[in-house]
Amino acid sequence: LIDTNSGNAKRGICALPFVRYSDSEEVHFPSNLIENLFLSNGM
């Protein structure tokens, strides 16, 4: 889940905040996961 854009493995996993619609809780999604699986779907 290290992101391709920074390639900064020492820094760790870059994760972006999303709000869970069912209860408005914040959940962090690795940017790597988003870019690998979703492409432009859902923006």
PDB file of all heavy atoms in Angstrom:
ATOM      1  N   LEU A   1       0.800  -1.230   0.000  1.00  0.00           N
ATOM      2  CA  LEU A   1       0.000   0.000   0.000  1.00  0.00           C
ATOM      3  C   LEU A   1       0.831   1.277   0.000  1.00  0.00           C
ATOM      4  O   LEU A   1       0.299   2.367   0.180  1.00  0.00           O
ATOM      5  CB  LEU A   1      -0.950  -0.013   1.203  1.00  0.00           C
ATOM      6  CG  LEU A   1      -1.961  -1.173   1.205  1.00  0.00           C
ATOM      7  CD1 LEU A   1      -2.793  -1.167   2.476  1.00  0.00           C
ATOM      8  CD2 LEU A   1      -2.865  -1.113  -0.025  1.00  0.00           C
ATOM      9  N   ILE A   2       2.148   1.161  -0.225  1.00  0.00           N
ATOM     10  CA  ILE A   2       2.969   2.364  -0.394  1.00  0.00           C
ATOM     11  C   ILE A   2       2.566   3.048  -1.694  1.00  0.00           C
ATOM     12  O   ILE A   2       2.430   2.397  -2.727  1.00  0.00           O
ATOM     13  CB  ILE A   2       4.473   2.004  -0.436  1.00  0.00           C
ATOM     14  CG1 ILE A   2       4.875   1.229   0.840  1.00  0.00           C
ATOM     15  CG2 ILE A   2       5.331   3.236  -0.623  1.00  0.00           C
ATOM     16  CD1 ILE A   2       4.690   1.972   2.127  1.00  0.00           C
ATOM     17  N   ASP A   3       2.380   4.355  -1.660  1.00  0.00           N
ATOM     18  CA  ASP A   3       1.856   5.009  -2.873  1.00  0.00           C
ATOM     19  C   ASP A   3       2.945   5.200  -3.923  1.00  0.00           C
ATOM     20  O   ASP A   3       4.110   5.461  -3.614  1.00  0.00           O
ATOM     21  CB  ASP A   3       1.186   6.350  -2.540  1.00  0.00           C
ATOM     22  CG  ASP A   3       2.168   7.449  -2.230  1.00  0.00           C
ATOM     23  OD1 ASP A   3       2.930   7.307  -1.249  1.00  0.00           O
ATOM     24  OD2 ASP A   3       2.185   8.450  -2.955  1.00  0.00           O
ATOM     25  N   THR A   4       2.531   5.046  -5.168  1.00  0.00           N
ATOM     26  CA  THR A   4       3.449   5.153  -6.307  1.00  0.00           C
ATOM     27  C   THR A   4       3.943   6.579  -6.503  1.00  0.00           C
ATOM     28  O   THR A   4       5.072   6.795  -6.931  1.00  0.00           O
ATOM     29  CB  THR A   4       2.723   4.706  -7.598  1.00  0.00           C
ATOM     30  OG1 THR A   4       2.045   3.480  -7.334  1.00  0.00           O
ATOM     31  CG2 THR A   4       3.685   4.512  -8.745  1.00  0.00           C
ATOM     32  N   ASN A   5       3.087   7.560  -6.211  1.00  0.00           N
ATOM     33  CA  ASN A   5       3.406   8.952  -6.525  1.00  0.00           C
ATOM     34  C   ASN A   5       4.598   9.466  -5.729  1.00  0.00           C
ATOM     35  O   ASN A   5       5.476  10.122  -6.275  1.00  0.00           O
ATOM     36  CB  ASN A   5       2.200   9.854  -6.261  1.00  0.00           C
ATOM     37  CG  ASN A   5       0.968   9.419  -7.021  1.00  0.00           C
ATOM     38  OD1 ASN A   5      -0.003   8.987  -6.422  1.00  0.00           O
ATOM     39  ND2 ASN A   5       1.004   9.518  -8.332  1.00  0.00           N
ATOM     40  N   SER A   6       4.631   9.162  -4.437  1.00  0.00           N
ATOM     41  CA  SER A   6       5.776   9.599  -3.643  1.00  0.00           C
ATOM     42  C   SER A   6       6.888   8.565  -3.678  1.00  0.00           C
ATOM     43  O   SER A   6       8.064   8.907  -3.661  1.00  0.00           O
ATOM     44  CB  SER A   6       5.359   9.855  -2.192  1.00  0.00           C
ATOM     45  OG  SER A   6       5.209   8.639  -1.481  1.00  0.00           O
ATOM     46  N   GLY A   7       6.498   7.294  -3.693  1.00  0.00           N
ATOM     47  CA  GLY A   7       7.493   6.227  -3.636  1.00  0.00           C
ATOM     48  C   GLY A   7       8.277   6.249  -2.340  1.00  0.00           C
ATOM     49  O   GLY A   7       9.348   5.662  -2.242  1.00  0.00           O
ATOM     50  N   ASN A   8       7.715   6.910  -1.333  1.00  0.00           N
ATOM     51  CA  ASN A   8       8.449   7.146  -0.094  1.00  0.00           C
ATOM     52  C   ASN A   8       8.113   6.065   0.926  1.00  0.00           C
ATOM     53  O   ASN A   8       7.328   6.271   1.861  1.00  0.00           O
ATOM     54  CB  ASN A   8       8.112   8.534   0.452  1.00  0.00           C
ATOM     55  CG  ASN A   8       9.104   9.010   1.483  1.00  0.00           C
ATOM     56  OD1 ASN A   8       9.820   8.216   2.070  1.00  0.00           O
ATOM     57  ND2 ASN A   8       9.149  10.314   1.708  1.00  0.00           N
ATOM     58  N   ALA A   9       8.722   4.888   0.748  1.00  0.00           N
ATOM     59  CA  ALA A   9       8.428   3.757   1.630  1.00  0.00           C
ATOM     60  C   ALA A   9       8.813   4.053   3.080  1.00  0.00           C
ATOM     61  O   ALA A   9       8.160   3.578   4.003  1.00  0.00           O
ATOM     62  CB  ALA A   9       9.148   2.517   1.128  1.00  0.00           C
ATOM     63  N   LYS A  10       9.859   4.858   3.301  1.00  0.00           N
ATOM     64  CA  LYS A  10      10.290   5.164   4.673  1.00  0.00           C
ATOM     65  C   LYS A  10       9.213   5.948   5.425  1.00  0.00           C
ATOM     66  O   LYS A  10       9.085   5.837   6.648  1.00  0.00           O
ATOM     67  CB  LYS A  10      11.586   5.965   4.647  1.00  0.00           C
ATOM     68  CG  LYS A  10      12.793   5.167   4.170  1.00  0.00           C
ATOM     69  CD  LYS A  10      14.051   6.024   4.159  1.00  0.00           C
ATOM     70  CE  LYS A  10      15.254   5.233   3.658  1.00  0.00           C
ATOM     71  NZ  LYS A  10      16.474   6.073   3.575  1.00  0.00           N
ATOM     72  N   ARG A  11       8.452   6.729   4.665  1.00  0.00           N
ATOM     73  CA  ARG A  11       7.423   7.551   5.289  1.00  0.00           C
ATOM     74  C   ARG A  11       6.193   6.707   5.669  1.00  0.00           C
ATOM     75  O   ARG A  11       5.463   7.058   6.579  1.00  0.00           O
ATOM     76  CB  ARG A  11       7.038   8.675   4.328  1.00  0.00           C
ATOM     77  CG  ARG A  11       6.321   9.832   4.953  1.00  0.00           C
ATOM     78  CD  ARG A  11       6.254  11.010   3.981  1.00  0.00           C
ATOM     79  NE  ARG A  11       5.569  12.141   4.553  1.00  0.00           N
ATOM     80  CZ  ARG A  11       5.393  13.308   3.944  1.00  0.00           C
ATOM     81  NH1 ARG A  11       5.896  13.492   2.725  1.00  0.00           N
ATOM     82  NH2 ARG A  11       4.749  14.294   4.537  1.00  0.00           N
ATOM     83  N   GLY A  12       5.971   5.642   4.920  1.00  0.00           N
ATOM     84  CA  GLY A  12       4.861   4.750   5.234  1.00  0.00           C
ATOM     85  C   GLY A  12       3.765   4.786   4.191  1.00  0.00           C
ATOM     86  O   GLY A  12       4.002   5.032   3.011  1.00  0.00           O
ATOM     87  N   ILE A  13       2.540   4.536   4.653  1.00  0.00           N
ATOM     88  CA  ILE A  13       1.361   4.455   3.786  1.00  0.00           C
ATOM     89  C   ILE A  13       0.620   5.779   3.851  1.00  0.00           C
ATOM     90  O   ILE A  13       0.205   6.219   4.931  1.00  0.00           O
ATOM     91  CB  ILE A  13       0.435   3.313   4.239  1.00  0.00           C
ATOM     92  CG1 ILE A  13       1.147   1.961   4.120  1.00  0.00           C
ATOM     93  CG2 ILE A  13      -0.864   3.314   3.436  1.00  0.00           C
ATOM     94  CD1 ILE A  13       0.429   0.819   4.820  1.00  0.00           C
ATOM     95  N   CYS A  14       0.446   6.417   2.690  1.00  0.00           N
ATOM     96  CA  CYS A  14      -0.318   7.661   2.631  1.00  0.00           C
ATOM     97  C   CYS A  14      -1.800   7.305   2.510  1.00  0.00           C
ATOM     98  O   CYS A  14      -2.202   6.578   1.600  1.00  0.00           O
ATOM     99  CB  CYS A  14       0.123   8.493   1.424  1.00  0.00           C
ATOM    100  SG  CYS A  14      -0.764  10.059   1.308  1.00  0.00           S
ATOM    101  N   ALA A  15      -2.619   7.809   3.436  1.00  0.00           N
ATOM    102  CA  ALA A  15      -4.046   7.488   3.438  1.00  0.00           C
ATOM    103  C   ALA A  15      -4.880   8.773   3.446  1.00  0.00           C
ATOM    104  O   ALA A  15      -4.514   9.768   4.073  1.00  0.00           O
ATOM    105  CB  ALA A  15      -4.394   6.624   4.642  1.00  0.00           C
ATOM    106  N   LEU A  16      -5.988   8.729   2.722  1.00  0.00           N
ATOM    107  CA  LEU A  16      -6.844   9.907   2.533  1.00  0.00           C
ATOM    108  C   LEU A  16      -8.155   9.727   3.289  1.00  0.00           C
ATOM    109  O   LEU A  16      -8.718   8.629   3.318  1.00  0.00           O
ATOM    110  CB  LEU A  16      -7.138  10.102   1.036  1.00  0.00           C
ATOM    111  CG  LEU A  16      -5.916  10.077   0.107  1.00  0.00           C
ATOM    112  CD1 LEU A  16      -6.349  10.250  -1.336  1.00  0.00           C
ATOM    113  CD2 LEU A  16      -4.909  11.156   0.496  1.00  0.00           C
ATOM    114  N   PRO A  17      -8.662  10.806   3.905  1.00  0.00           N
ATOM    115  CA  PRO A  17      -9.887  10.688   4.706  1.00  0.00           C
ATOM    116  C   PRO A  17     -11.147  10.649   3.836  1.00  0.00           C
ATOM    117  O   PRO A  17     -11.317  11.457   2.927  1.00  0.00           O
ATOM    118  CB  PRO A  17      -9.858  11.959   5.565  1.00  0.00           C
ATOM    119  CG  PRO A  17      -9.080  12.951   4.745  1.00  0.00           C
ATOM    120  CD  PRO A  17      -8.074  12.161   3.963  1.00  0.00           C
ATOM    121  N   PHE A  18     -12.023   9.700   4.125  1.00  0.00           N
ATOM    122  CA  PHE A  18     -13.357   9.614   3.533  1.00  0.00           C
ATOM    123  C   PHE A  18     -14.363   9.500   4.673  1.00  0.00           C
ATOM    124  O   PHE A  18     -14.024   9.021   5.761  1.00  0.00           O
ATOM    125  CB  PHE A  18     -13.480   8.387   2.621  1.00  0.00           C
ATOM    126  CG  PHE A  18     -12.861   8.574   1.262  1.00  0.00           C
ATOM    127  CD1 PHE A  18     -11.484   8.592   1.110  1.00  0.00           C
ATOM    128  CD2 PHE A  18     -13.653   8.751   0.136  1.00  0.00           C
ATOM    129  CE1 PHE A  18     -10.903   8.773  -0.128  1.00  0.00           C
ATOM    130  CE2 PHE A  18     -13.090   8.929  -1.111  1.00  0.00           C
ATOM    131  CZ  PHE A  18     -11.718   8.950  -1.257  1.00  0.00           C
ATOM    132  N   VAL A  19     -15.590   9.933   4.419  1.00  0.00           N
ATOM    133  CA  VAL A  19     -16.639   9.868   5.440  1.00  0.00           C
ATOM    134  C   VAL A  19     -17.560   8.695   5.112  1.00  0.00           C
ATOM    135  O   VAL A  19     -18.084   8.587   4.002  1.00  0.00           O
ATOM    136  CB  VAL A  19     -17.438  11.189   5.489  1.00  0.00           C
ATOM    137  CG1 VAL A  19     -18.619  11.057   6.452  1.00  0.00           C
ATOM    138  CG2 VAL A  19     -16.529  12.339   5.916  1.00  0.00           C
ATOM    139  N   ARG A  20     -17.740   7.824   6.090  1.00  0.00           N
ATOM    140  CA  ARG A  20     -18.655   6.678   5.922  1.00  0.00           C
ATOM    141  C   ARG A  20     -20.089   7.200   5.986  1.00  0.00           C
ATOM    142  O   ARG A  20     -20.496   7.800   6.987  1.00  0.00           O
ATOM    143  CB  ARG A  20     -18.381   5.644   7.014  1.00  0.00           C
ATOM    144  CG  ARG A  20     -19.092   4.318   6.835  1.00  0.00           C
ATOM    145  CD  ARG A  20     -18.480   3.259   7.752  1.00  0.00           C
ATOM    146  NE  ARG A  20     -18.528   3.679   9.150  1.00  0.00           N
ATOM    147  CZ  ARG A  20     -17.654   3.276  10.078  1.00  0.00           C
ATOM    148  NH1 ARG A  20     -16.670   2.456   9.762  1.00  0.00           N
ATOM    149  NH2 ARG A  20     -17.772   3.692  11.336  1.00  0.00           N
ATOM    150  N   TYR A  21     -20.849   6.982   4.927  1.00  0.00           N
ATOM    151  CA  TYR A  21     -22.163   7.610   4.785  1.00  0.00           C
ATOM    152  C   TYR A  21     -23.136   7.125   5.860  1.00  0.00           C
ATOM    153  O   TYR A  21     -23.977   7.898   6.329  1.00  0.00           O
ATOM    154  CB  TYR A  21     -22.734   7.301   3.398  1.00  0.00           C
ATOM    155  CG  TYR A  21     -24.032   8.016   3.099  1.00  0.00           C
ATOM    156  CD1 TYR A  21     -24.045   9.370   2.779  1.00  0.00           C
ATOM    157  CD2 TYR A  21     -25.252   7.337   3.155  1.00  0.00           C
ATOM    158  CE1 TYR A  21     -25.243  10.036   2.511  1.00  0.00           C
ATOM    159  CE2 TYR A  21     -26.446   7.988   2.884  1.00  0.00           C
ATOM    160  CZ  TYR A  21     -26.430   9.340   2.571  1.00  0.00           C
ATOM    161  OH  TYR A  21     -27.620   9.986   2.308  1.00  0.00           O
ATOM    162  N   SER A  22     -23.002   5.878   6.290  1.00  0.00           N
ATOM    163  CA  SER A  22     -23.994   5.309   7.210  1.00  0.00           C
ATOM    164  C   SER A  22     -23.967   5.956   8.587  1.00  0.00           C
ATOM    165  O   SER A  22     -25.001   6.033   9.259  1.00  0.00           O
ATOM    166  CB  SER A  22     -23.782   3.798   7.351  1.00  0.00           C
ATOM    167  OG  SER A  22     -22.489   3.518   7.872  1.00  0.00           O
ATOM    168  N   ASP A  23     -22.785   6.437   9.035  1.00  0.00           N
ATOM    169  CA  ASP A  23     -22.722   7.009  10.382  1.00  0.00           C
ATOM    170  C   ASP A  23     -21.821   8.244  10.485  1.00  0.00           C
ATOM    171  O   ASP A  23     -21.534   8.720  11.587  1.00  0.00           O
ATOM    172  CB  ASP A  23     -22.253   5.956  11.385  1.00  0.00           C
ATOM    173  CG  ASP A  23     -20.862   5.402  11.050  1.00  0.00           C
ATOM    174  OD1 ASP A  23     -20.241   5.905  10.096  1.00  0.00           O
ATOM    175  OD2 ASP A  23     -20.436   4.461  11.743  1.00  0.00           O
ATOM    176  N   SER A  24     -21.356   8.756   9.344  1.00  0.00           N
ATOM    177  CA  SER A  24     -20.534   9.971   9.270  1.00  0.00           C
ATOM    178  C   SER A  24     -19.173   9.834   9.955  1.00  0.00           C
ATOM    179  O   SER A  24     -18.537  10.841  10.276  1.00  0.00           O
ATOM    180  CB  SER A  24     -21.282  11.185   9.865  1.00  0.00           C
ATOM    181  OG  SER A  24     -22.466  11.414   9.147  1.00  0.00           O
ATOM    182  N   GLU A  25     -18.714   8.606  10.186  1.00  0.00           N
ATOM    183  CA  GLU A  25     -17.386   8.389  10.757  1.00  0.00           C
ATOM    184  C   GLU A  25     -16.319   8.521   9.665  1.00  0.00           C
ATOM    185  O   GLU A  25     -16.551   8.171   8.510  1.00  0.00           O
ATOM    186  CB  GLU A  25     -17.287   7.001  11.393  1.00  0.00           C
ATOM    187  CG  GLU A  25     -18.058   6.868  12.700  1.00  0.00           C
ATOM    188  CD  GLU A  25     -17.474   7.737  13.805  1.00  0.00           C
ATOM    189  OE1 GLU A  25     -16.237   7.739  13.968  1.00  0.00           O
ATOM    190  OE2 GLU A  25     -18.259   8.435  14.481  1.00  0.00           O
ATOM    191  N   GLU A  26     -15.142   9.026  10.057  1.00  0.00           N
ATOM    192  CA  GLU A  26     -14.049   9.191   9.104  1.00  0.00           C
ATOM    193  C   GLU A  26     -13.254   7.884   8.996  1.00  0.00           C
ATOM    194  O   GLU A  26     -12.925   7.266  10.006  1.00  0.00           O
ATOM    195  CB  GLU A  26     -13.129  10.322   9.551  1.00  0.00           C
ATOM    196  CG  GLU A  26     -12.126  10.759   8.499  1.00  0.00           C
ATOM    197  CD  GLU A  26     -11.392  12.035   8.905  1.00  0.00           C
ATOM    198  OE1 GLU A  26     -10.521  11.945   9.793  1.00  0.00           O
ATOM    199  OE2 GLU A  26     -11.709  13.106   8.357  1.00  0.00           O
ATOM    200  N   VAL A  27     -12.976   7.494   7.758  1.00  0.00           N
ATOM    201  CA  VAL A  27     -12.198   6.277   7.481  1.00  0.00           C
ATOM    202  C   VAL A  27     -11.079   6.645   6.518  1.00  0.00           C
ATOM    203  O   VAL A  27     -11.311   7.365   5.536  1.00  0.00           O
ATOM    204  CB  VAL A  27     -13.089   5.170   6.870  1.00  0.00           C
ATOM    205  CG1 VAL A  27     -12.254   3.936   6.515  1.00  0.00           C
ATOM    206  CG2 VAL A  27     -14.224   4.798   7.825  1.00  0.00           C
ATOM    207  N   HIS A  28      -9.875   6.158   6.777  1.00  0.00           N
ATOM    208  CA  HIS A  28      -8.734   6.504   5.934  1.00  0.00           C
ATOM    209  C   HIS A  28      -8.438   5.388   4.932  1.00  0.00           C
ATOM    210  O   HIS A  28      -8.194   4.243   5.318  1.00  0.00           O
ATOM    211  CB  HIS A  28      -7.502   6.783   6.804  1.00  0.00           C
ATOM    212  CG  HIS A  28      -7.547   8.132   7.447  1.00  0.00           C
ATOM    213  ND1 HIS A  28      -8.216   8.369   8.625  1.00  0.00           N
ATOM    214  CD2 HIS A  28      -7.029   9.326   7.042  1.00  0.00           C
ATOM    215  CE1 HIS A  28      -8.101   9.647   8.942  1.00  0.00           C
ATOM    216  NE2 HIS A  28      -7.395  10.246   8.004  1.00  0.00           N
ATOM    217  N   PHE A  29      -8.471   5.763   3.648  1.00  0.00           N
ATOM    218  CA  PHE A  29      -8.201   4.837   2.551  1.00  0.00           C
ATOM    219  C   PHE A  29      -6.804   5.094   2.004  1.00  0.00           C
ATOM    220  O   PHE A  29      -6.482   6.229   1.634  1.00  0.00           O
ATOM    221  CB  PHE A  29      -9.205   5.033   1.415  1.00  0.00           C
ATOM    222  CG  PHE A  29     -10.531   4.378   1.641  1.00  0.00           C
ATOM    223  CD1 PHE A  29     -11.450   4.924   2.520  1.00  0.00           C
ATOM    224  CD2 PHE A  29     -10.866   3.206   0.966  1.00  0.00           C
ATOM    225  CE1 PHE A  29     -12.687   4.316   2.735  1.00  0.00           C
ATOM    226  CE2 PHE A  29     -12.098   2.595   1.169  1.00  0.00           C
ATOM    227  CZ  PHE A  29     -13.006   3.150   2.050  1.00  0.00           C
ATOM    228  N   PRO A  30      -5.955   4.061   1.910  1.00  0.00           N
ATOM    229  CA  PRO A  30      -4.653   4.262   1.275  1.00  0.00           C
ATOM    230  C   PRO A  30      -4.813   4.782  -0.154  1.00  0.00           C
ATOM    231  O   PRO A  30      -5.637   4.255  -0.919  1.00  0.00           O
ATOM    232  CB  PRO A  30      -4.039   2.858   1.279  1.00  0.00           C
ATOM    233  CG  PRO A  30      -4.716   2.158   2.425  1.00  0.00           C
ATOM    234  CD  PRO A  30      -6.120   2.701   2.442  1.00  0.00           C
ATOM    235  N   SER A  31      -4.070   5.832  -0.496  1.00  0.00           N
ATOM    236  CA  SER A  31      -4.164   6.369  -1.855  1.00  0.00           C
ATOM    237  C   SER A  31      -3.769   5.308  -2.880  1.00  0.00           C
ATOM    238  O   SER A  31      -4.306   5.283  -3.992  1.00  0.00           O
ATOM    239  CB  SER A  31      -3.279   7.614  -2.006  1.00  0.00           C
ATOM    240  OG  SER A  31      -1.916   7.283  -1.814  1.00  0.00           O
ATOM    241  N   ASN A  32      -2.869   4.403  -2.505  1.00  0.00           N
ATOM    242  CA  ASN A  32      -2.475   3.320  -3.391  1.00  0.00           C
ATOM    243  C   ASN A  32      -3.668   2.442  -3.760  1.00  0.00           C
ATOM    244  O   ASN A  32      -3.859   2.064  -4.915  1.00  0.00           O
ATOM    245  CB  ASN A  32      -1.388   2.474  -2.707  1.00  0.00           C
ATOM    246  CG  ASN A  32      -1.075   1.183  -3.436  1.00  0.00           C
ATOM    247  OD1 ASN A  32      -1.881   0.255  -3.422  1.00  0.00           O
ATOM    248  ND2 ASN A  32       0.083   1.101  -4.061  1.00  0.00           N
ATOM    249  N   LEU A  33      -4.492   2.119  -2.770  1.00  0.00           N
ATOM    250  CA  LEU A  33      -5.665   1.266  -3.011  1.00  0.00           C
ATOM    251  C   LEU A  33      -6.630   1.945  -3.974  1.00  0.00           C
ATOM    252  O   LEU A  33      -7.157   1.321  -4.905  1.00  0.00           O
ATOM    253  CB  LEU A  33      -6.341   0.957  -1.676  1.00  0.00           C
ATOM    254  CG  LEU A  33      -7.547   0.022  -1.691  1.00  0.00           C
ATOM    255  CD1 LEU A  33      -7.610  -0.769  -0.386  1.00  0.00           C
ATOM    256  CD2 LEU A  33      -8.863   0.785  -1.864  1.00  0.00           C
ATOM    257  N   ILE A  34      -6.838   3.244  -3.776  1.00  0.00           N
ATOM    258  CA  ILE A  34      -7.781   3.981  -4.632  1.00  0.00           C
ATOM    259  C   ILE A  34      -7.284   4.006  -6.067  1.00  0.00           C
ATOM    260  O   ILE A  34      -8.037   3.712  -7.007  1.00  0.00           O
ATOM    261  CB  ILE A  34      -7.979   5.419  -4.101  1.00  0.00           C
ATOM    262  CG1 ILE A  34      -8.596   5.385  -2.702  1.00  0.00           C
ATOM    263  CG2 ILE A  34      -8.852   6.223  -5.051  1.00  0.00           C
ATOM    264  CD1 ILE A  34      -8.580   6.736  -1.997  1.00  0.00           C
ATOM    265  N   GLU A  35      -5.995   4.337  -6.269  1.00  0.00           N
ATOM    266  CA  GLU A  35      -5.488   4.472  -7.634  1.00  0.00           C
ATOM    267  C   GLU A  35      -5.401   3.120  -8.334  1.00  0.00           C
ATOM    268  O   GLU A  35      -5.539   3.024  -9.544  1.00  0.00           O
ATOM    269  CB  GLU A  35      -4.125   5.161  -7.665  1.00  0.00           C
ATOM    270  CG  GLU A  35      -2.958   4.298  -7.270  1.00  0.00           C
ATOM    271  CD  GLU A  35      -1.610   4.921  -7.649  1.00  0.00           C
ATOM    272  OE1 GLU A  35      -1.434   6.139  -7.456  1.00  0.00           O
ATOM    273  OE2 GLU A  35      -0.751   4.168  -8.113  1.00  0.00           O
ATOM    274  N   ASN A  36      -5.212   2.036  -7.577  1.00  0.00           N
ATOM    275  CA  ASN A  36      -5.098   0.712  -8.179  1.00  0.00           C
ATOM    276  C   ASN A  36      -6.435   0.120  -8.584  1.00  0.00           C
ATOM    277  O   ASN A  36      -6.511  -0.614  -9.570  1.00  0.00           O
ATOM    278  CB  ASN A  36      -4.400  -0.257  -7.224  1.00  0.00           C
ATOM    279  CG  ASN A  36      -2.905  -0.301  -7.438  1.00  0.00           C
ATOM    280  OD1 ASN A  36      -2.423  -0.925  -8.371  1.00  0.00           O
ATOM    281  ND2 ASN A  36      -2.174   0.395  -6.582  1.00  0.00           N
ATOM    282  N   LEU A  37      -7.491   0.409  -7.836  1.00  0.00           N
ATOM    283  CA  LEU A  37      -8.747  -0.311  -8.045  1.00  0.00           C
ATOM    284  C   LEU A  37      -9.859   0.499  -8.696  1.00  0.00           C
ATOM    285  O   LEU A  37     -10.700  -0.068  -9.398  1.00  0.00           O
ATOM    286  CB  LEU A  37      -9.261  -0.853  -6.701  1.00  0.00           C
ATOM    287  CG  LEU A  37      -8.334  -1.823  -5.958  1.00  0.00           C
ATOM    288  CD1 LEU A  37      -9.017  -2.345  -4.703  1.00  0.00           C
ATOM    289  CD2 LEU A  37      -7.896  -2.967  -6.848  1.00  0.00           C
ATOM    290  N   PHE A  38      -9.907   1.814  -8.487  1.00  0.00           N
ATOM    291  CA  PHE A  38     -11.104   2.562  -8.863  1.00  0.00           C
ATOM    292  C   PHE A  38     -10.979   3.386 -10.135  1.00  0.00           C
ATOM    293  O   PHE A  38     -11.997   3.787 -10.710  1.00  0.00           O
ATOM    294  CB  PHE A  38     -11.530   3.482  -7.704  1.00  0.00           C
ATOM    295  CG  PHE A  38     -12.052   2.736  -6.510  1.00  0.00           C
ATOM    296  CD1 PHE A  38     -11.204   2.392  -5.469  1.00  0.00           C
ATOM    297  CD2 PHE A  38     -13.373   2.357  -6.428  1.00  0.00           C
ATOM    298  CE1 PHE A  38     -11.669   1.699  -4.359  1.00  0.00           C
ATOM    299  CE2 PHE A  38     -13.865   1.669  -5.330  1.00  0.00           C
ATOM    300  CZ  PHE A  38     -13.002   1.331  -4.288  1.00  0.00           C
ATOM    301  N   LEU A  39      -9.757   3.697 -10.568  1.00  0.00           N
ATOM    302  CA  LEU A  39      -9.575   4.600 -11.721  1.00  0.00           C
ATOM    303  C   LEU A  39     -10.437   5.846 -11.510  1.00  0.00           C
ATOM    304  O   LEU A  39     -10.441   6.427 -10.450  1.00  0.00           O
ATOM    305  CB  LEU A  39      -9.884   3.890 -13.030  1.00  0.00           C
ATOM    306  CG  LEU A  39      -8.874   2.816 -13.453  1.00  0.00           C
ATOM    307  CD1 LEU A  39      -9.246   2.231 -14.806  1.00  0.00           C
ATOM    308  CD2 LEU A  39      -7.453   3.330 -13.491  1.00  0.00           C
ATOM    309  N   SER A  40     -11.205   6.245 -12.552  1.00  0.00           N
ATOM    310  CA  SER A  40     -11.990   7.481 -12.424  1.00  0.00           C
ATOM    311  C   SER A  40     -13.425   7.204 -11.992  1.00  0.00           C
ATOM    312  O   SER A  40     -14.253   8.112 -11.953  1.00  0.00           O
ATOM    313  CB  SER A  40     -12.012   8.234 -13.758  1.00  0.00           C
ATOM    314  OG  SER A  40     -12.673   7.452 -14.759  1.00  0.00           O
ATOM    315  N   ASN A  41     -13.735   5.947 -11.671  1.00  0.00           N
ATOM    316  CA  ASN A  41     -15.120   5.615 -11.327  1.00  0.00           C
ATOM    317  C   ASN A  41     -15.512   6.259 -10.001  1.00  0.00           C
ATOM    318  O   ASN A  41     -14.817   6.096  -8.995  1.00  0.00           O
ATOM    319  CB  ASN A  41     -15.284   4.098 -11.228  1.00  0.00           C
ATOM    320  CG  ASN A  41     -16.741   3.675 -11.306  1.00  0.00           C
ATOM    321  OD1 ASN A  41     -17.579   4.400 -11.831  1.00  0.00           O
ATOM    322  ND2 ASN A  41     -17.045   2.505 -10.785  1.00  0.00           N
ATOM    323  N   GLY A  42     -16.623   7.010 -10.011  1.00  0.00           N
ATOM    324  CA  GLY A  42     -17.130   7.587  -8.777  1.00  0.00           C
ATOM    325  C   GLY A  42     -16.553   8.931  -8.424  1.00  0.00           C
ATOM    326  O   GLY A  42     -16.417   9.254  -7.244  1.00  0.00           O
ATOM    327  N   MET A  43     -16.189   9.737  -9.420  1.00  0.00           N
ATOM    328  CA  MET A  43     -15.778  11.113  -9.140  1.00  0.00           C
ATOM    329  C   MET A  43     -16.584  12.044 -10.040  1.00  0.00           C
ATOM    330  O   MET A  43     -16.807  11.750 -11.210  1.00  0.00           O
ATOM    331  CB  MET A  43     -14.266  11.310  -9.350  1.00  0.00           C
ATOM    332  CG  MET A  43     -13.735  10.973 -10.712  1.00  0.00           C
ATOM    333  SD  MET A  43     -11.954  11.353 -10.941  1.00  0.00           S
ATOM    334  CE  MET A  43     -11.188  10.068 -10.005  1.00  0.00           C
TER     335      MET A  43
END
